[in-house]
Amino acid sequence: MKRVLVPLDGSDFAEQALDPGVALAIRDGAEIHLLSVVSTEPPIPLTFADPALLGGWVDEEGARKQAYIERTAAGVAARAGGCGVEAHVRVGRVDAIIREVAEEFDVDLVVATTHGRGAFQRVWLGSTADRLLRSLERPLLLLPPTPAGADRFAEAQIRHVLVPLDGSKAAEAALDVLPLVLPGSEGVRLTLATVVEEGFALPAAYLPHAVSEESVRDERRKKAAAYLAATSQRVEGDGLGAPETHVLTADSAAHGLLRYCKEADVDMIALSTHGRSGVSRFAVGSVADKLVRGAGIPVLVIRRPSDESP
């Protein structure tokens, strides 16, 4: 890994991404890029103001963000050893600017918290994280806010990692980016899981050669287990250790994965997502936002190419 990008909005919550981002950069000797954005979506009262007032707010906010990011960069540089530290302040829509900077500097990983509060207590990282899930074409490590002093991404605390798979090569892209945050497998439990969704009962009278719903699920479980076993062998050959495999059954993929996270004490999820919205989202891609919101643990996301299908 050569470059890490950490977007900040000036809040304590957003700054919880700093320590993990800096630690990962130090581990690989990577450049650290800190970014703060003057949003072109200002607080609601200003949207009704005259252009002069709005322009004045942008200038004032820009100066405040510049002072903040330079101060933060100086603190990071003091503890980052030989890693280079660059500070950026841009004006625009937050998620678009993060994508722009990530592409401009060819960053390998974006590290951000899922919520934050910037000027005027206006949340932008929460909605930004949601947009980035659907649009960022770089690996994204999303960290849930934690109480003061807590660190959910300390290396010693990531002991069990879950990789949800849906049978597609695109979903397996998550395994390719996992070494960005877990360079070794020693002491880390890696689980590959897929979910067989429970369906509605099928009335046999309408099917000439009907089989029971349970037998259909059994066949799907067997195919899923065979797929996971083959994938596990490939992963072990790639140096990530010998993964466990689990075929889960639930009314939905999200519910099954969230339940497993709780029952098995999962510390991090790594997954691939299509980044589509609405009814066009499917398989693992359709549950990414539910896992980010519901699991309460770090989630490493890689966006699949939009033309891939399971």
C-alpha atoms as a PDB file:
ATOM      1  CA  MET A   1       0.000   0.000   0.000  1.00  0.00           C
ATOM      2  CA  LYS A   2       1.406   3.368  -1.056  1.00  0.00           C
ATOM      3  CA  ARG A   3      -1.236   5.959  -0.123  1.00  0.00           C
ATOM      4  CA  VAL A   4      -4.007   6.239   2.468  1.00  0.00           C
ATOM      5  CA  LEU A   5      -6.736   8.910   2.411  1.00  0.00           C
ATOM      6  CA  VAL A   6      -8.557  10.008   5.582  1.00  0.00           C
ATOM      7  CA  PRO A   7     -11.449  12.482   5.087  1.00  0.00           C
ATOM      8  CA  LEU A   8     -12.163  14.662   8.128  1.00  0.00           C
ATOM      9  CA  ASP A   9     -14.945  17.106   8.968  1.00  0.00           C
ATOM     10  CA  GLY A  10     -13.512  18.539  12.198  1.00  0.00           C
ATOM     11  CA  SER A  11     -15.516  16.313  14.530  1.00  0.00           C
ATOM     12  CA  ASP A  12     -14.195  13.970  17.199  1.00  0.00           C
ATOM     13  CA  PHE A  13     -16.098  11.104  15.589  1.00  0.00           C
ATOM     14  CA  ALA A  14     -14.493  11.671  12.187  1.00  0.00           C
ATOM     15  CA  GLU A  15     -11.056  11.825  13.794  1.00  0.00           C
ATOM     16  CA  GLN A  16     -11.521   8.286  15.088  1.00  0.00           C
ATOM     17  CA  ALA A  17     -10.403   7.252  11.588  1.00  0.00           C
ATOM     18  CA  LEU A  18      -7.036   8.947  12.102  1.00  0.00           C
ATOM     19  CA  ASP A  19      -5.318   6.400  14.331  1.00  0.00           C
ATOM     20  CA  PRO A  20      -6.244   3.378  12.181  1.00  0.00           C
ATOM     21  CA  GLY A  21      -5.390   5.239   8.976  1.00  0.00           C
ATOM     22  CA  VAL A  22      -2.038   6.420  10.308  1.00  0.00           C
ATOM     23  CA  ALA A  23      -1.209   2.983  11.759  1.00  0.00           C
ATOM     24  CA  LEU A  24      -1.875   1.278   8.417  1.00  0.00           C
ATOM     25  CA  ALA A  25       0.219   3.876   6.594  1.00  0.00           C
ATOM     26  CA  ILE A  26       3.128   3.518   9.032  1.00  0.00           C
ATOM     27  CA  ARG A  27       3.001  -0.265   8.657  1.00  0.00           C
ATOM     28  CA  ASP A  28       3.542   0.015   4.888  1.00  0.00           C
ATOM     29  CA  GLY A  29       5.506   3.270   4.786  1.00  0.00           C
ATOM     30  CA  ALA A  30       2.628   4.845   2.848  1.00  0.00           C
ATOM     31  CA  GLU A  31       1.797   8.500   2.270  1.00  0.00           C
ATOM     32  CA  ILE A  32      -1.010   9.891   4.410  1.00  0.00           C
ATOM     33  CA  HIS A  33      -3.477  12.236   2.734  1.00  0.00           C
ATOM     34  CA  LEU A  34      -5.835  14.213   4.968  1.00  0.00           C
ATOM     35  CA  LEU A  35      -8.846  15.854   3.335  1.00  0.00           C
ATOM     36  CA  SER A  36     -11.393  18.360   4.545  1.00  0.00           C
ATOM     37  CA  VAL A  37     -14.200  19.586   2.316  1.00  0.00           C
ATOM     38  CA  VAL A  38     -16.097  22.858   2.283  1.00  0.00           C
ATOM     39  CA  SER A  39     -19.456  21.489   1.288  1.00  0.00           C
ATOM     40  CA  THR A  40     -21.455  23.183  -1.448  1.00  0.00           C
ATOM     41  CA  GLU A  41     -24.530  21.936   0.419  1.00  0.00           C
ATOM     42  CA  PRO A  42     -24.462  24.517   3.245  1.00  0.00           C
ATOM     43  CA  PRO A  43     -26.656  24.584   6.349  1.00  0.00           C
ATOM     44  CA  ILE A  44     -30.330  24.946   5.408  1.00  0.00           C
ATOM     45  CA  PRO A  45     -30.772  28.552   6.650  1.00  0.00           C
ATOM     46  CA  LEU A  46     -28.053  29.716   4.266  1.00  0.00           C
ATOM     47  CA  THR A  47     -29.730  28.190   1.244  1.00  0.00           C
ATOM     48  CA  PHE A  48     -32.263  31.011   1.453  1.00  0.00           C
ATOM     49  CA  ALA A  49     -29.646  33.717   1.908  1.00  0.00           C
ATOM     50  CA  ASP A  50     -28.382  36.103  -0.737  1.00  0.00           C
ATOM     51  CA  PRO A  51     -25.310  35.057  -2.774  1.00  0.00           C
ATOM     52  CA  ALA A  52     -23.015  37.458  -0.930  1.00  0.00           C
ATOM     53  CA  LEU A  53     -23.872  35.933   2.439  1.00  0.00           C
ATOM     54  CA  LEU A  54     -23.451  32.429   1.062  1.00  0.00           C
ATOM     55  CA  GLY A  55     -20.106  33.329  -0.515  1.00  0.00           C
ATOM     56  CA  GLY A  56     -18.920  34.809   2.759  1.00  0.00           C
ATOM     57  CA  TRP A  57     -19.814  31.598   4.572  1.00  0.00           C
ATOM     58  CA  VAL A  58     -17.849  29.524   2.053  1.00  0.00           C
ATOM     59  CA  ASP A  59     -14.781  31.762   2.470  1.00  0.00           C
ATOM     60  CA  GLU A  60     -15.008  31.673   6.251  1.00  0.00           C
ATOM     61  CA  GLU A  61     -15.538  27.926   6.320  1.00  0.00           C
ATOM     62  CA  GLY A  62     -12.628  27.443   3.910  1.00  0.00           C
ATOM     63  CA  ALA A  63     -10.268  29.374   6.168  1.00  0.00           C
ATOM     64  CA  ARG A  64     -11.449  27.428   9.206  1.00  0.00           C
ATOM     65  CA  LYS A  65     -11.002  24.093   7.421  1.00  0.00           C
ATOM     66  CA  GLN A  66      -7.539  25.095   6.179  1.00  0.00           C
ATOM     67  CA  ALA A  67      -6.357  25.951   9.682  1.00  0.00           C
ATOM     68  CA  TYR A  68      -7.857  22.744  11.051  1.00  0.00           C
ATOM     69  CA  ILE A  69      -6.391  20.404   8.443  1.00  0.00           C
ATOM     70  CA  GLU A  70      -2.926  21.977   8.667  1.00  0.00           C
ATOM     71  CA  ARG A  71      -2.961  21.676  12.449  1.00  0.00           C
ATOM     72  CA  THR A  72      -4.084  18.063  12.220  1.00  0.00           C
ATOM     73  CA  ALA A  73      -1.470  17.251   9.573  1.00  0.00           C
ATOM     74  CA  ALA A  74       1.288  18.661  11.763  1.00  0.00           C
ATOM     75  CA  GLY A  75       0.191  16.406  14.612  1.00  0.00           C
ATOM     76  CA  VAL A  76       0.070  13.362  12.322  1.00  0.00           C
ATOM     77  CA  ALA A  77       3.499  14.127  10.844  1.00  0.00           C
ATOM     78  CA  ALA A  78       5.004  14.257  14.348  1.00  0.00           C
ATOM     79  CA  ARG A  79       4.077  10.604  14.932  1.00  0.00           C
ATOM     80  CA  ALA A  80       4.173   9.194  11.420  1.00  0.00           C
ATOM     81  CA  GLY A  81       7.911   8.626  11.228  1.00  0.00           C
ATOM     82  CA  GLY A  82       9.142   8.818   7.655  1.00  0.00           C
ATOM     83  CA  CYS A  83       5.672   8.731   6.113  1.00  0.00           C
ATOM     84  CA  GLY A  84       4.803  11.770   4.053  1.00  0.00           C
ATOM     85  CA  VAL A  85       1.720  13.716   5.115  1.00  0.00           C
ATOM     86  CA  GLU A  86      -0.277  15.907   2.741  1.00  0.00           C
ATOM     87  CA  ALA A  87      -3.243  18.102   3.661  1.00  0.00           C
ATOM     88  CA  HIS A  88      -5.998  19.074   1.233  1.00  0.00           C
ATOM     89  CA  VAL A  89      -8.960  21.437   1.443  1.00  0.00           C
ATOM     90  CA  ARG A  90     -11.406  21.372  -1.459  1.00  0.00           C
ATOM     91  CA  VAL A  91     -14.801  22.922  -2.180  1.00  0.00           C
ATOM     92  CA  GLY A  92     -17.660  20.832  -3.536  1.00  0.00           C
ATOM     93  CA  ARG A  93     -20.009  17.997  -2.712  1.00  0.00           C
ATOM     94  CA  VAL A  94     -18.260  15.904  -0.117  1.00  0.00           C
ATOM     95  CA  ASP A  95     -18.529  12.439  -1.669  1.00  0.00           C
ATOM     96  CA  ALA A  96     -17.590  13.760  -5.118  1.00  0.00           C
ATOM     97  CA  ILE A  97     -14.494  15.488  -3.723  1.00  0.00           C
ATOM     98  CA  ILE A  98     -13.412  12.346  -1.836  1.00  0.00           C
ATOM     99  CA  ARG A  99     -13.682  10.349  -5.076  1.00  0.00           C
ATOM    100  CA  GLU A 100     -11.823  13.059  -6.960  1.00  0.00           C
ATOM    101  CA  VAL A 101      -8.921  13.204  -4.495  1.00  0.00           C
ATOM    102  CA  ALA A 102      -8.755   9.408  -4.246  1.00  0.00           C
ATOM    103  CA  GLU A 103      -8.373   9.178  -8.028  1.00  0.00           C
ATOM    104  CA  GLU A 104      -6.050  12.177  -8.327  1.00  0.00           C
ATOM    105  CA  PHE A 105      -3.527  10.733  -5.879  1.00  0.00           C
ATOM    106  CA  ASP A 106      -4.180   7.084  -6.740  1.00  0.00           C
ATOM    107  CA  VAL A 107      -4.843   6.122  -3.122  1.00  0.00           C
ATOM    108  CA  ASP A 108      -4.992   2.470  -2.177  1.00  0.00           C
ATOM    109  CA  LEU A 109      -7.380   2.829   0.756  1.00  0.00           C
ATOM    110  CA  VAL A 110      -9.858   5.380   2.090  1.00  0.00           C
ATOM    111  CA  VAL A 111     -10.418   5.229   5.865  1.00  0.00           C
ATOM    112  CA  ALA A 112     -13.459   7.025   7.283  1.00  0.00           C
ATOM    113  CA  THR A 113     -15.986   6.871  10.090  1.00  0.00           C
ATOM    114  CA  THR A 114     -19.623   6.366   9.235  1.00  0.00           C
ATOM    115  CA  HIS A 115     -20.812   9.463  11.102  1.00  0.00           C
ATOM    116  CA  GLY A 116     -19.480  12.862  12.005  1.00  0.00           C
ATOM    117  CA  ARG A 117     -20.612  16.379  12.709  1.00  0.00           C
ATOM    118  CA  GLY A 118     -19.055  19.342  11.022  1.00  0.00           C
ATOM    119  CA  ALA A 119     -19.783  23.056  11.154  1.00  0.00           C
ATOM    120  CA  PHE A 120     -23.196  24.015  12.564  1.00  0.00           C
ATOM    121  CA  GLN A 121     -23.549  20.417  13.841  1.00  0.00           C
ATOM    122  CA  ARG A 122     -24.448  19.327  10.335  1.00  0.00           C
ATOM    123  CA  VAL A 123     -23.815  15.638   9.752  1.00  0.00           C
ATOM    124  CA  TRP A 124     -22.025  14.975   6.480  1.00  0.00           C
ATOM    125  CA  LEU A 125     -19.927  11.867   6.888  1.00  0.00           C
ATOM    126  CA  GLY A 126     -23.024   9.785   7.613  1.00  0.00           C
ATOM    127  CA  SER A 127     -24.684  10.541   4.285  1.00  0.00           C
ATOM    128  CA  THR A 128     -21.296  10.648   2.563  1.00  0.00           C
ATOM    129  CA  ALA A 129     -20.463   7.116   3.670  1.00  0.00           C
ATOM    130  CA  ASP A 130     -23.731   5.976   2.134  1.00  0.00           C
ATOM    131  CA  ARG A 131     -22.892   7.637  -1.179  1.00  0.00           C
ATOM    132  CA  LEU A 132     -19.331   6.319  -1.175  1.00  0.00           C
ATOM    133  CA  LEU A 133     -20.612   2.770  -0.767  1.00  0.00           C
ATOM    134  CA  ARG A 134     -22.295   3.160  -4.156  1.00  0.00           C
ATOM    135  CA  SER A 135     -19.684   5.144  -6.038  1.00  0.00           C
ATOM    136  CA  LEU A 136     -16.111   4.945  -4.714  1.00  0.00           C
ATOM    137  CA  GLU A 137     -13.931   2.755  -6.916  1.00  0.00           C
ATOM    138  CA  ARG A 138     -11.246   2.373  -4.253  1.00  0.00           C
ATOM    139  CA  PRO A 139     -11.194   0.112  -1.188  1.00  0.00           C
ATOM    140  CA  LEU A 140     -13.072   1.813   1.651  1.00  0.00           C
ATOM    141  CA  LEU A 141     -12.654   1.030   5.346  1.00  0.00           C
ATOM    142  CA  LEU A 142     -15.690   2.307   7.256  1.00  0.00           C
ATOM    143  CA  LEU A 143     -15.408   2.562  11.039  1.00  0.00           C
ATOM    144  CA  PRO A 144     -18.402   2.992  13.352  1.00  0.00           C
ATOM    145  CA  PRO A 145     -18.132   5.788  15.928  1.00  0.00           C
ATOM    146  CA  THR A 146     -16.971   4.544  19.315  1.00  0.00           C
ATOM    147  CA  PRO A 147     -17.046   6.012  22.824  1.00  0.00           C
ATOM    148  CA  ALA A 148     -14.164   8.292  23.739  1.00  0.00           C
ATOM    149  CA  GLY A 149     -10.986   6.333  24.288  1.00  0.00           C
ATOM    150  CA  ALA A 150     -12.231   3.163  22.563  1.00  0.00           C
ATOM    151  CA  ASP A 151     -10.523   1.759  19.487  1.00  0.00           C
ATOM    152  CA  ARG A 152     -12.303  -0.939  17.492  1.00  0.00           C
ATOM    153  CA  PHE A 153      -9.550  -1.231  14.937  1.00  0.00           C
ATOM    154  CA  ALA A 154      -6.508  -1.851  17.083  1.00  0.00           C
ATOM    155  CA  GLU A 155      -4.601  -4.736  15.490  1.00  0.00           C
ATOM    156  CA  ALA A 156      -5.022  -6.938  18.561  1.00  0.00           C
ATOM    157  CA  GLN A 157      -8.797  -6.460  18.440  1.00  0.00           C
ATOM    158  CA  ILE A 158      -9.315  -7.759  14.886  1.00  0.00           C
ATOM    159  CA  ARG A 159      -9.387 -11.474  15.611  1.00  0.00           C
ATOM    160  CA  HIS A 160     -12.347 -12.662  13.526  1.00  0.00           C
ATOM    161  CA  VAL A 161     -13.056 -11.434   9.983  1.00  0.00           C
ATOM    162  CA  LEU A 162     -16.163 -12.343   7.997  1.00  0.00           C
ATOM    163  CA  VAL A 163     -16.217 -12.327   4.179  1.00  0.00           C
ATOM    164  CA  PRO A 164     -19.772 -12.724   2.769  1.00  0.00           C
ATOM    165  CA  LEU A 165     -19.818 -14.378  -0.657  1.00  0.00           C
ATOM    166  CA  ASP A 166     -22.628 -14.925  -3.166  1.00  0.00           C
ATOM    167  CA  GLY A 167     -20.967 -17.356  -5.558  1.00  0.00           C
ATOM    168  CA  SER A 168     -19.622 -14.716  -7.944  1.00  0.00           C
ATOM    169  CA  LYS A 169     -16.026 -13.909  -8.804  1.00  0.00           C
ATOM    170  CA  ALA A 170     -16.882 -10.262  -8.232  1.00  0.00           C
ATOM    171  CA  ALA A 171     -17.786 -10.939  -4.594  1.00  0.00           C
ATOM    172  CA  GLU A 172     -14.422 -12.623  -4.114  1.00  0.00           C
ATOM    173  CA  ALA A 173     -12.733  -9.288  -4.859  1.00  0.00           C
ATOM    174  CA  ALA A 174     -13.066  -8.612  -1.126  1.00  0.00           C
ATOM    175  CA  LEU A 175     -10.488 -11.330  -0.516  1.00  0.00           C
ATOM    176  CA  ASP A 176      -8.023  -9.517  -2.776  1.00  0.00           C
ATOM    177  CA  VAL A 177      -8.159  -6.274  -0.787  1.00  0.00           C
ATOM    178  CA  LEU A 178      -8.230  -7.860   2.665  1.00  0.00           C
ATOM    179  CA  PRO A 179      -4.391  -7.842   2.938  1.00  0.00           C
ATOM    180  CA  LEU A 180      -4.518  -4.029   2.805  1.00  0.00           C
ATOM    181  CA  VAL A 181      -5.698  -4.042   6.401  1.00  0.00           C
ATOM    182  CA  LEU A 182      -4.621  -7.539   7.492  1.00  0.00           C
ATOM    183  CA  PRO A 183      -1.121  -8.157   6.159  1.00  0.00           C
ATOM    184  CA  GLY A 184      -0.818 -11.533   7.923  1.00  0.00           C
ATOM    185  CA  SER A 185      -3.103 -14.325   9.023  1.00  0.00           C
ATOM    186  CA  GLU A 186      -1.449 -15.279  12.312  1.00  0.00           C
ATOM    187  CA  GLY A 187      -4.034 -15.373  15.073  1.00  0.00           C
ATOM    188  CA  VAL A 188      -6.834 -14.086  12.813  1.00  0.00           C
ATOM    189  CA  ARG A 189      -9.903 -16.245  12.290  1.00  0.00           C
ATOM    190  CA  LEU A 190     -11.203 -15.852   8.731  1.00  0.00           C
ATOM    191  CA  THR A 191     -14.732 -17.001   7.884  1.00  0.00           C
ATOM    192  CA  LEU A 192     -16.252 -17.283   4.411  1.00  0.00           C
ATOM    193  CA  ALA A 193     -20.047 -17.368   4.512  1.00  0.00           C
ATOM    194  CA  THR A 194     -22.959 -17.432   2.128  1.00  0.00           C
ATOM    195  CA  VAL A 195     -26.670 -17.229   2.900  1.00  0.00           C
ATOM    196  CA  VAL A 196     -29.364 -19.517   1.537  1.00  0.00           C
ATOM    197  CA  GLU A 197     -32.515 -17.459   1.834  1.00  0.00           C
ATOM    198  CA  GLU A 198     -35.700 -19.069   3.094  1.00  0.00           C
ATOM    199  CA  GLY A 199     -38.405 -18.867   0.444  1.00  0.00           C
ATOM    200  CA  PHE A 200     -42.165 -19.078   0.437  1.00  0.00           C
ATOM    201  CA  ALA A 201     -43.704 -22.533   0.358  1.00  0.00           C
ATOM    202  CA  LEU A 202     -44.408 -23.741  -3.159  1.00  0.00           C
ATOM    203  CA  PRO A 203     -47.813 -25.428  -3.676  1.00  0.00           C
ATOM    204  CA  ALA A 204     -46.860 -28.809  -5.122  1.00  0.00           C
ATOM    205  CA  ALA A 205     -50.232 -29.196  -6.863  1.00  0.00           C
ATOM    206  CA  TYR A 206     -49.181 -26.631  -9.458  1.00  0.00           C
ATOM    207  CA  LEU A 207     -45.904 -28.347 -10.362  1.00  0.00           C
ATOM    208  CA  PRO A 208     -45.967 -31.600 -12.342  1.00  0.00           C
ATOM    209  CA  HIS A 209     -42.673 -32.798 -10.906  1.00  0.00           C
ATOM    210  CA  ALA A 210     -42.598 -30.690  -7.769  1.00  0.00           C
ATOM    211  CA  VAL A 211     -40.035 -31.051  -5.030  1.00  0.00           C
ATOM    212  CA  SER A 212     -40.458 -29.771  -1.535  1.00  0.00           C
ATOM    213  CA  GLU A 213     -39.146 -26.368  -0.601  1.00  0.00           C
ATOM    214  CA  GLU A 214     -36.838 -27.965   1.948  1.00  0.00           C
ATOM    215  CA  SER A 215     -35.271 -30.242  -0.649  1.00  0.00           C
ATOM    216  CA  VAL A 216     -34.629 -27.226  -2.854  1.00  0.00           C
ATOM    217  CA  ARG A 217     -32.902 -25.492   0.058  1.00  0.00           C
ATOM    218  CA  ASP A 218     -30.901 -28.630   0.813  1.00  0.00           C
ATOM    219  CA  GLU A 219     -29.636 -28.691  -2.749  1.00  0.00           C
ATOM    220  CA  ARG A 220     -28.713 -25.021  -2.528  1.00  0.00           C
ATOM    221  CA  ARG A 221     -26.900 -25.628   0.755  1.00  0.00           C
ATOM    222  CA  LYS A 222     -24.894 -28.461  -0.811  1.00  0.00           C
ATOM    223  CA  LYS A 223     -23.912 -26.310  -3.776  1.00  0.00           C
ATOM    224  CA  ALA A 224     -23.034 -23.411  -1.473  1.00  0.00           C
ATOM    225  CA  ALA A 225     -20.938 -25.649   0.768  1.00  0.00           C
ATOM    226  CA  ALA A 226     -19.042 -27.037  -2.236  1.00  0.00           C
ATOM    227  CA  TYR A 227     -18.415 -23.528  -3.543  1.00  0.00           C
ATOM    228  CA  LEU A 228     -17.156 -22.298  -0.164  1.00  0.00           C
ATOM    229  CA  ALA A 229     -14.877 -25.334   0.233  1.00  0.00           C
ATOM    230  CA  ALA A 230     -13.292 -24.696  -3.179  1.00  0.00           C
ATOM    231  CA  THR A 231     -12.917 -20.991  -2.440  1.00  0.00           C
ATOM    232  CA  SER A 232     -11.367 -21.759   0.950  1.00  0.00           C
ATOM    233  CA  GLN A 233      -8.709 -23.899  -0.709  1.00  0.00           C
ATOM    234  CA  ARG A 234      -7.822 -21.079  -3.095  1.00  0.00           C
ATOM    235  CA  VAL A 235      -7.675 -18.547  -0.249  1.00  0.00           C
ATOM    236  CA  GLU A 236      -5.414 -20.786   1.812  1.00  0.00           C
ATOM    237  CA  GLY A 237      -3.077 -20.998  -1.159  1.00  0.00           C
ATOM    238  CA  ASP A 238      -2.961 -17.201  -1.318  1.00  0.00           C
ATOM    239  CA  GLY A 239      -1.519 -16.965   2.198  1.00  0.00           C
ATOM    240  CA  LEU A 240      -4.563 -15.846   4.180  1.00  0.00           C
ATOM    241  CA  GLY A 241      -4.595 -18.962   6.312  1.00  0.00           C
ATOM    242  CA  ALA A 242      -7.224 -21.703   6.320  1.00  0.00           C
ATOM    243  CA  PRO A 243     -10.661 -20.048   6.386  1.00  0.00           C
ATOM    244  CA  GLU A 244     -13.683 -21.518   8.084  1.00  0.00           C
ATOM    245  CA  THR A 245     -16.782 -21.842   5.922  1.00  0.00           C
ATOM    246  CA  HIS A 246     -20.414 -21.492   6.912  1.00  0.00           C
ATOM    247  CA  VAL A 247     -23.648 -21.823   4.938  1.00  0.00           C
ATOM    248  CA  LEU A 248     -26.269 -19.757   6.744  1.00  0.00           C
ATOM    249  CA  THR A 249     -30.029 -19.988   6.365  1.00  0.00           C
ATOM    250  CA  ALA A 250     -32.140 -16.897   7.013  1.00  0.00           C
ATOM    251  CA  ASP A 251     -35.108 -14.955   5.695  1.00  0.00           C
ATOM    252  CA  SER A 252     -32.659 -12.512   4.114  1.00  0.00           C
ATOM    253  CA  ALA A 253     -28.916 -12.281   3.540  1.00  0.00           C
ATOM    254  CA  ALA A 254     -28.608  -9.224   5.766  1.00  0.00           C
ATOM    255  CA  HIS A 255     -30.415 -10.843   8.694  1.00  0.00           C
ATOM    256  CA  GLY A 256     -28.370 -14.012   8.414  1.00  0.00           C
ATOM    257  CA  LEU A 257     -25.054 -12.195   8.283  1.00  0.00           C
ATOM    258  CA  LEU A 258     -25.914  -9.789  11.106  1.00  0.00           C
ATOM    259  CA  ARG A 259     -27.041 -12.680  13.294  1.00  0.00           C
ATOM    260  CA  TYR A 260     -23.807 -14.550  12.587  1.00  0.00           C
ATOM    261  CA  CYS A 261     -21.722 -11.460  13.398  1.00  0.00           C
ATOM    262  CA  LYS A 262     -23.323 -11.283  16.823  1.00  0.00           C
ATOM    263  CA  GLU A 263     -23.243 -14.991  17.594  1.00  0.00           C
ATOM    264  CA  ALA A 264     -19.655 -15.544  16.394  1.00  0.00           C
ATOM    265  CA  ASP A 265     -18.121 -12.310  17.749  1.00  0.00           C
ATOM    266  CA  VAL A 266     -17.038 -11.037  14.336  1.00  0.00           C
ATOM    267  CA  ASP A 267     -14.672  -8.046  14.592  1.00  0.00           C
ATOM    268  CA  MET A 268     -14.634  -6.934  10.944  1.00  0.00           C
ATOM    269  CA  ILE A 269     -16.508  -7.579   7.703  1.00  0.00           C
ATOM    270  CA  ALA A 270     -14.872  -7.464   4.265  1.00  0.00           C
ATOM    271  CA  LEU A 271     -17.204  -7.461   1.293  1.00  0.00           C
ATOM    272  CA  SER A 272     -17.690  -6.514  -2.293  1.00  0.00           C
ATOM    273  CA  THR A 273     -20.671  -4.458  -3.433  1.00  0.00           C
ATOM    274  CA  HIS A 274     -22.094  -3.412  -6.766  1.00  0.00           C
ATOM    275  CA  GLY A 275     -22.832   0.082  -5.512  1.00  0.00           C
ATOM    276  CA  ARG A 276     -26.225   0.066  -7.225  1.00  0.00           C
ATOM    277  CA  SER A 277     -29.302   1.627  -5.674  1.00  0.00           C
ATOM    278  CA  GLY A 278     -32.977   0.808  -5.448  1.00  0.00           C
ATOM    279  CA  VAL A 279     -34.375  -2.423  -6.885  1.00  0.00           C
ATOM    280  CA  SER A 280     -31.305  -3.020  -9.067  1.00  0.00           C
ATOM    281  CA  ARG A 281     -29.204  -3.911  -6.020  1.00  0.00           C
ATOM    282  CA  PHE A 282     -28.850  -7.649  -5.419  1.00  0.00           C
ATOM    283  CA  ALA A 283     -26.933 -10.417  -3.633  1.00  0.00           C
ATOM    284  CA  VAL A 284     -24.070  -9.247  -1.408  1.00  0.00           C
ATOM    285  CA  GLY A 285     -24.230  -5.752  -2.889  1.00  0.00           C
ATOM    286  CA  SER A 286     -27.778  -5.323  -1.663  1.00  0.00           C
ATOM    287  CA  VAL A 287     -26.846  -5.852   1.990  1.00  0.00           C
ATOM    288  CA  ALA A 288     -23.712  -3.733   2.263  1.00  0.00           C
ATOM    289  CA  ASP A 289     -25.483  -0.708   3.724  1.00  0.00           C
ATOM    290  CA  LYS A 290     -27.436  -2.905   6.163  1.00  0.00           C
ATOM    291  CA  LEU A 291     -24.196  -4.443   7.423  1.00  0.00           C
ATOM    292  CA  VAL A 292     -22.535  -1.047   7.782  1.00  0.00           C
ATOM    293  CA  ARG A 293     -25.485   0.289   9.779  1.00  0.00           C
ATOM    294  CA  GLY A 294     -26.372  -2.823  11.743  1.00  0.00           C
ATOM    295  CA  ALA A 295     -23.150  -4.647  12.577  1.00  0.00           C
ATOM    296  CA  GLY A 296     -21.489  -1.865  14.570  1.00  0.00           C
ATOM    297  CA  ILE A 297     -18.015  -3.077  13.545  1.00  0.00           C
ATOM    298  CA  PRO A 298     -15.462  -2.006  10.899  1.00  0.00           C
ATOM    299  CA  VAL A 299     -16.458  -2.851   7.321  1.00  0.00           C
ATOM    300  CA  LEU A 300     -13.973  -3.033   4.450  1.00  0.00           C
ATOM    301  CA  VAL A 301     -15.760  -2.466   1.145  1.00  0.00           C
ATOM    302  CA  ILE A 302     -14.613  -2.873  -2.428  1.00  0.00           C
ATOM    303  CA  ARG A 303     -17.016  -1.780  -5.146  1.00  0.00           C
ATOM    304  CA  ARG A 304     -17.507  -4.275  -7.947  1.00  0.00           C
ATOM    305  CA  PRO A 305     -17.412  -3.200 -11.578  1.00  0.00           C
ATOM    306  CA  SER A 306     -20.945  -2.202 -12.547  1.00  0.00           C
ATOM    307  CA  ASP A 307     -21.041  -4.627 -15.478  1.00  0.00           C
ATOM    308  CA  GLU A 308     -20.247  -7.704 -13.362  1.00  0.00           C
ATOM    309  CA  SER A 309     -23.029 -10.071 -12.338  1.00  0.00           C
ATOM    310  CA  PRO A 310     -23.107 -13.121 -10.054  1.00  0.00           C
END
